[in-house]
Amino acid sequence: MEYDYKFGNNYYKYYGKKGIKSTVYNILAPEQSQDVQPGMEYVMKPLPIFDNPNYLGSGKLKNKVAIVTGGDSGLGRACSIAYIKEGAKVVIVYLNEERDALDTKKYIESMKGDCLLIKGDLSKHEFCKEVVKKTLDKYGKIDILVNNAGVQYQKDSLNEISDEQFDWTMKVNVYGMFYLTKEVLPYLKSGASIINLSSVTTFYGDPQLIDYVTTKGAIVGFTRSLARNLALKNIRVNAIAPGFFWTPLQPACWVKEKIPSLGSDAAMARGAMPYELAPTFVFLASNDSSYMTGEVMHVNGGQVMG
């Protein structure tokens, strides 16, 4: 069964188990790069598919309030759209991706959804306090926290990673998660869910992402420890370790020649579009996963198994 998709001037077809292909390219994406982190979605070719029109919400997150960091684009945008479909209100935290954030807000409003955009640097503890305050001022509560924002840089050796880069990667990927979770925690009630984004690279050790892999391994440890700490309060903490998804982080990280081959080493021999991860975000935020905590969900096309 085939489904047609159109986003902007980009056309795609869905070929069942063979996945999604652009009608313009024979690969998921052609060579390209960006010189900014964490990258801009609106300039990507082809544009990522963040919403599956065949996914129909069923009220699994009705009246819930979710904070999604990096919710303006990539996996965060797919998460935000799915949460809106399931009846949640979403607070989208972003760094500087103004156009992507506004595009996401416009899309949500076209669905009659309710969202709040908050711009700022999550590596700053004071900004994380601001996120919580603005969320409570707008919606009065917090039920779900998705720590998705992150940066990654391709470097061929440890000696190529500057102290400044290592410090920044740690601050965004780990400190930001720690600060925001710490500020959100006093307002979470029984049944709340925290979802942290790790990476498949943590489980095979990508040799060109040493500092990034270090942070994503730290996120796994943080998830497991916090899960045990909060279990008796019925606040669940889980992680997702995505494989290669076509998001702004990819062209912002890799040399352009590597883009067409990303995801090809997975068992399914392909990369994925962001909408393919959206149901996992919903599952971990909803009562469907009421007996899960401290887990890492692997969604990587079989790149890492077990």
Protein backbone atom coordinates (compact mmCIF):
# COMPACT_ATOMS: atom_id res chain seq x y z
CA MET A 1 0.00 0.00 0.00
CA GLU A 2 1.38 3.42 -0.96
CA TYR A 3 0.75 6.78 0.63
CA ASP A 4 1.69 10.09 -0.94
CA TYR A 5 3.09 12.97 1.08
CA LYS A 6 3.71 16.57 0.08
CA PHE A 7 5.59 19.08 2.19
CA GLY A 8 6.35 22.38 0.47
CA ASN A 9 7.71 21.49 -2.97
CA ASN A 10 8.95 18.09 -1.83
CA TYR A 11 7.08 14.92 -2.71
CA TYR A 12 7.45 11.51 -1.10
CA LYS A 13 6.02 8.04 -1.34
CA TYR A 14 5.68 5.44 1.38
CA TYR A 15 6.62 1.95 0.19
CA GLY A 16 5.62 -0.20 3.14
CA LYS A 17 8.62 -1.97 4.64
CA LYS A 18 10.95 -0.24 2.18
CA GLY A 19 10.24 3.03 3.96
CA ILE A 20 9.92 6.56 2.67
CA LYS A 21 11.69 7.88 -0.40
CA SER A 22 11.76 11.28 -1.99
CA THR A 23 10.42 11.25 -5.54
CA VAL A 24 13.34 13.51 -6.44
CA TYR A 25 16.19 11.51 -4.89
CA ASN A 26 16.97 7.79 -4.82
CA ILE A 27 18.30 8.19 -1.28
CA LEU A 28 16.80 9.66 1.86
CA ALA A 29 18.79 12.87 1.39
CA PRO A 30 21.53 14.18 -0.93
CA GLU A 31 24.83 15.74 0.10
CA GLN A 32 24.40 18.91 2.14
CA SER A 33 25.70 20.66 5.23
CA GLN A 34 24.91 23.53 7.57
CA ASP A 35 27.33 25.74 9.45
CA VAL A 36 25.12 26.27 12.51
CA GLN A 37 24.16 24.07 15.46
CA PRO A 38 21.72 22.52 16.15
CA GLY A 39 20.63 23.29 12.58
CA MET A 40 17.67 24.72 10.70
CA GLU A 41 14.94 22.48 9.31
CA TYR A 42 13.46 24.83 6.74
CA VAL A 43 16.61 24.73 4.54
CA MET A 44 16.92 20.92 4.47
CA LYS A 45 16.50 19.03 1.19
CA PRO A 46 14.23 17.18 1.25
CA LEU A 47 12.24 18.59 4.15
CA PRO A 48 11.80 16.07 6.98
CA ILE A 49 8.37 14.46 7.39
CA PHE A 50 7.27 15.27 10.92
CA ASP A 51 3.59 14.26 10.77
CA ASN A 52 1.98 11.06 9.58
CA PRO A 53 -1.47 12.02 8.26
CA ASN A 54 -2.64 8.48 8.93
CA TYR A 55 -1.90 8.81 12.66
CA LEU A 56 -5.11 9.71 14.45
CA GLY A 57 -5.01 10.71 18.09
CA SER A 58 -7.28 9.02 20.61
CA GLY A 59 -7.06 11.37 23.59
CA LYS A 60 -4.21 9.55 25.30
CA LEU A 61 -2.78 12.85 26.56
CA LYS A 62 -5.99 14.82 26.90
CA ASN A 63 -5.57 17.94 29.06
CA LYS A 64 -1.90 17.15 29.72
CA VAL A 65 0.78 19.83 29.56
CA ALA A 66 4.12 18.88 28.02
CA ILE A 67 7.42 20.74 27.79
CA VAL A 68 9.44 19.64 24.75
CA THR A 69 12.96 21.04 24.41
CA GLY A 70 14.05 21.37 20.81
CA GLY A 71 10.38 21.05 19.94
CA ASP A 72 10.66 23.45 17.03
CA SER A 73 12.16 20.94 14.58
CA GLY A 74 13.40 17.40 14.04
CA LEU A 75 12.36 14.76 16.53
CA GLY A 76 11.06 17.43 18.90
CA ARG A 77 8.68 18.78 16.27
CA ALA A 78 7.37 15.28 15.53
CA CYS A 79 6.88 14.75 19.27
CA SER A 80 5.07 18.07 19.66
CA ILE A 81 2.68 17.38 16.76
CA ALA A 82 1.86 13.89 18.08
CA TYR A 83 1.19 15.26 21.56
CA ILE A 84 -1.15 17.87 20.12
CA LYS A 85 -3.01 15.12 18.23
CA GLU A 86 -3.40 13.25 21.52
CA GLY A 87 -4.96 16.27 23.24
CA ALA A 88 -2.00 17.81 25.07
CA LYS A 89 -0.88 21.42 25.27
CA VAL A 90 2.77 21.82 24.36
CA VAL A 91 5.49 24.23 25.44
CA ILE A 92 8.18 24.34 22.75
CA VAL A 93 11.62 25.43 23.95
CA TYR A 94 14.14 26.39 21.26
CA LEU A 95 17.51 28.12 20.99
CA ASN A 96 17.52 30.37 17.92
CA GLU A 97 15.54 28.54 15.23
CA GLU A 98 12.97 31.32 14.91
CA ARG A 99 11.49 30.33 11.55
CA ASP A 100 11.24 26.63 12.45
CA ALA A 101 9.55 27.49 15.75
CA LEU A 102 7.03 29.78 14.07
CA ASP A 103 6.34 27.20 11.36
CA THR A 104 5.67 24.58 14.02
CA LYS A 105 3.36 26.92 15.92
CA LYS A 106 1.46 27.73 12.72
CA TYR A 107 1.08 24.03 11.95
CA ILE A 108 -0.21 23.32 15.46
CA GLU A 109 -2.67 26.18 15.26
CA SER A 110 -3.94 24.83 11.92
CA MET A 111 -4.82 21.67 13.89
CA LYS A 112 -6.66 23.79 16.48
CA GLY A 113 -3.92 22.96 18.96
CA ASP A 114 -2.48 25.08 21.77
CA CYS A 115 1.24 25.72 22.19
CA LEU A 116 3.65 28.20 23.74
CA LEU A 117 7.04 29.11 22.26
CA ILE A 118 9.92 29.95 24.61
CA LYS A 119 13.28 31.01 23.16
CA GLY A 120 16.52 30.71 25.09
CA ASP A 121 19.64 28.81 26.11
CA LEU A 122 19.00 25.69 28.19
CA SER A 123 22.61 25.59 29.33
CA LYS A 124 21.74 28.54 31.58
CA HIS A 125 20.05 27.55 34.84
CA GLU A 126 18.17 30.84 35.07
CA PHE A 127 16.58 30.26 31.67
CA CYS A 128 15.36 26.82 32.80
CA LYS A 129 13.68 28.51 35.76
CA GLU A 130 12.07 30.92 33.29
CA VAL A 131 10.72 28.02 31.20
CA VAL A 132 8.98 26.54 34.21
CA LYS A 133 7.56 29.88 35.34
CA LYS A 134 6.16 30.72 31.90
CA THR A 135 4.67 27.25 31.57
CA LEU A 136 2.92 27.50 34.92
CA ASP A 137 1.76 31.04 34.19
CA LYS A 138 0.22 29.90 30.91
CA TYR A 139 -1.12 26.44 31.72
CA GLY A 140 -0.96 26.05 35.51
CA LYS A 141 0.70 22.65 35.59
CA ILE A 142 3.30 20.33 34.04
CA ASP A 143 2.64 16.65 33.31
CA ILE A 144 5.33 15.68 30.79
CA LEU A 145 8.93 16.73 30.27
CA VAL A 146 10.79 15.74 27.10
CA ASN A 147 14.52 16.53 27.27
CA ASN A 148 15.26 16.40 23.55
CA ALA A 149 17.51 19.39 22.79
CA GLY A 150 21.12 18.61 21.94
CA VAL A 151 24.17 19.33 19.80
CA GLN A 152 26.73 17.06 18.14
CA TYR A 153 29.97 17.72 16.26
CA GLN A 154 31.94 15.42 13.98
CA LYS A 155 35.60 15.14 14.94
CA ASP A 156 37.99 12.42 13.81
CA SER A 157 40.01 12.16 17.02
CA LEU A 158 39.92 13.10 20.69
CA ASN A 159 42.68 15.66 20.14
CA GLU A 160 40.49 17.55 17.67
CA ILE A 161 37.85 18.19 20.35
CA SER A 162 38.59 21.53 21.95
CA ASP A 163 37.96 22.18 25.62
CA GLU A 164 35.36 24.73 24.55
CA GLN A 165 33.49 22.24 22.35
CA PHE A 166 33.51 19.55 25.05
CA ASP A 167 32.26 22.06 27.61
CA TRP A 168 29.46 23.29 25.32
CA THR A 169 28.32 19.78 24.36
CA MET A 170 28.18 18.81 28.02
CA LYS A 171 26.33 21.98 29.01
CA VAL A 172 23.65 21.66 26.33
CA ASN A 173 23.14 17.90 26.38
CA VAL A 174 23.60 17.16 30.09
CA TYR A 175 23.49 20.36 32.15
CA GLY A 176 20.40 21.61 30.34
CA MET A 177 18.59 18.36 31.05
CA PHE A 178 19.70 18.44 34.69
CA TYR A 179 18.70 22.08 35.24
CA LEU A 180 15.30 21.82 33.59
CA THR A 181 14.40 18.51 35.24
CA LYS A 182 15.39 19.93 38.62
CA GLU A 183 13.14 22.96 38.12
CA VAL A 184 10.20 20.94 36.78
CA LEU A 185 10.31 18.22 39.42
CA PRO A 186 8.54 20.07 42.28
CA TYR A 187 5.48 20.50 40.06
CA LEU A 188 5.17 16.94 38.78
CA LYS A 189 2.43 14.82 40.31
CA SER A 190 1.74 11.10 40.40
CA GLY A 191 1.43 9.80 36.84
CA ALA A 192 3.86 12.32 35.36
CA SER A 193 6.46 11.26 32.81
CA ILE A 194 10.01 12.39 32.03
CA ILE A 195 11.50 11.33 28.70
CA ASN A 196 15.20 11.84 27.94
CA LEU A 197 16.87 11.50 24.54
CA SER A 198 19.94 9.31 24.42
CA SER A 199 21.29 7.91 21.12
CA VAL A 200 22.11 4.68 19.33
CA THR A 201 25.70 5.99 19.21
CA THR A 202 26.00 5.35 22.94
CA PHE A 203 25.53 1.63 22.36
CA TYR A 204 28.11 1.15 19.61
CA GLY A 205 30.47 4.05 20.34
CA ASP A 206 30.66 6.23 17.24
CA PRO A 207 34.38 7.06 16.81
CA GLN A 208 33.68 10.53 15.37
CA LEU A 209 31.28 11.67 18.09
CA ILE A 210 33.29 11.08 21.26
CA ASP A 211 32.00 14.03 23.28
CA TYR A 212 28.43 13.56 22.04
CA VAL A 213 28.47 9.85 22.90
CA THR A 214 29.81 10.72 26.35
CA THR A 215 26.83 12.96 27.00
CA LYS A 216 24.33 10.46 25.67
CA GLY A 217 25.80 7.76 27.92
CA ALA A 218 25.45 10.14 30.86
CA ILE A 219 21.79 10.57 29.97
CA VAL A 220 21.24 6.81 30.26
CA GLY A 221 22.76 6.80 33.74
CA PHE A 222 20.75 9.86 34.77
CA THR A 223 17.56 8.23 33.51
CA ARG A 224 18.09 5.00 35.45
CA SER A 225 19.08 6.68 38.71
CA LEU A 226 16.26 9.22 38.61
CA ALA A 227 13.78 6.50 37.72
CA ARG A 228 14.60 4.58 40.91
CA ASN A 229 14.58 7.78 42.92
CA LEU A 230 11.06 8.72 41.76
CA ALA A 231 9.45 5.31 41.31
CA LEU A 232 7.48 5.30 44.54
CA LYS A 233 6.10 8.73 43.67
CA ASN A 234 4.73 7.20 40.46
CA ILE A 235 6.75 9.58 38.32
CA ARG A 236 8.22 7.57 35.47
CA VAL A 237 11.58 8.34 33.83
CA ASN A 238 12.53 6.68 30.56
CA ALA A 239 14.85 7.31 27.64
CA ILE A 240 14.77 6.88 23.88
CA ALA A 241 17.90 6.00 21.90
CA PRO A 242 17.11 6.91 18.28
CA GLY A 243 19.10 5.73 15.31
CA PHE A 244 19.57 7.89 12.22
CA PHE A 245 16.61 10.20 11.68
CA TRP A 246 16.56 12.93 9.06
CA THR A 247 16.70 15.99 11.32
CA PRO A 248 18.63 19.30 11.23
CA LEU A 249 21.26 17.85 13.55
CA GLN A 250 22.57 15.63 10.74
CA PRO A 251 23.60 18.23 8.11
CA ALA A 252 24.72 20.50 10.95
CA CYS A 253 27.14 17.82 12.16
CA TRP A 254 28.44 15.63 9.34
CA VAL A 255 30.53 16.45 6.31
CA LYS A 256 28.20 16.63 3.33
CA GLU A 257 29.58 13.50 1.68
CA LYS A 258 28.42 11.32 4.57
CA ILE A 259 24.75 12.37 4.48
CA PRO A 260 23.53 9.95 1.76
CA SER A 261 24.95 6.91 3.59
CA LEU A 262 23.65 7.67 7.09
CA GLY A 263 21.39 4.88 8.31
CA SER A 264 22.61 2.43 5.66
CA ASP A 265 24.39 0.28 8.26
CA ALA A 266 21.12 -0.50 10.06
CA ALA A 267 19.52 -3.90 9.46
CA MET A 268 16.71 -2.15 7.60
CA ALA A 269 19.37 -0.38 5.50
CA ARG A 270 17.77 3.04 5.69
CA GLY A 271 17.42 6.16 7.76
CA ALA A 272 14.05 7.32 9.06
CA MET A 273 11.82 10.36 9.07
CA PRO A 274 10.97 12.06 12.41
CA TYR A 275 7.30 11.03 12.36
CA GLU A 276 8.41 7.40 12.74
CA LEU A 277 9.54 8.14 16.30
CA ALA A 278 6.43 10.09 17.31
CA PRO A 279 4.41 7.07 18.60
CA THR A 280 7.27 6.19 20.96
CA PHE A 281 7.06 9.65 22.53
CA VAL A 282 3.32 9.17 22.96
CA PHE A 283 3.72 5.69 24.44
CA LEU A 284 6.20 6.81 27.10
CA ALA A 285 4.11 9.85 28.04
CA SER A 286 0.80 8.00 28.30
CA ASN A 287 -0.68 5.38 30.62
CA ASP A 288 0.14 2.75 28.00
CA SER A 289 3.61 2.59 29.60
CA SER A 290 2.38 2.79 33.21
CA TYR A 291 4.63 -0.12 34.29
CA MET A 292 7.79 1.13 32.60
CA THR A 293 10.51 3.22 34.21
CA GLY A 294 14.28 3.37 33.86
CA GLU A 295 14.09 1.88 30.39
CA VAL A 296 15.83 2.83 27.15
CA MET A 297 13.66 2.40 24.06
CA HIS A 298 15.71 1.57 20.96
CA VAL A 299 14.28 2.83 17.67
CA ASN A 300 17.09 2.41 15.19
CA GLY A 301 16.05 0.13 12.32
CA GLY A 302 18.14 -2.71 13.75
CA GLN A 303 21.46 -0.84 13.85
CA VAL A 304 21.94 -2.04 17.45
CA MET A 305 20.03 -5.02 18.81
CA GLY A 306 19.66 -6.48 22.29
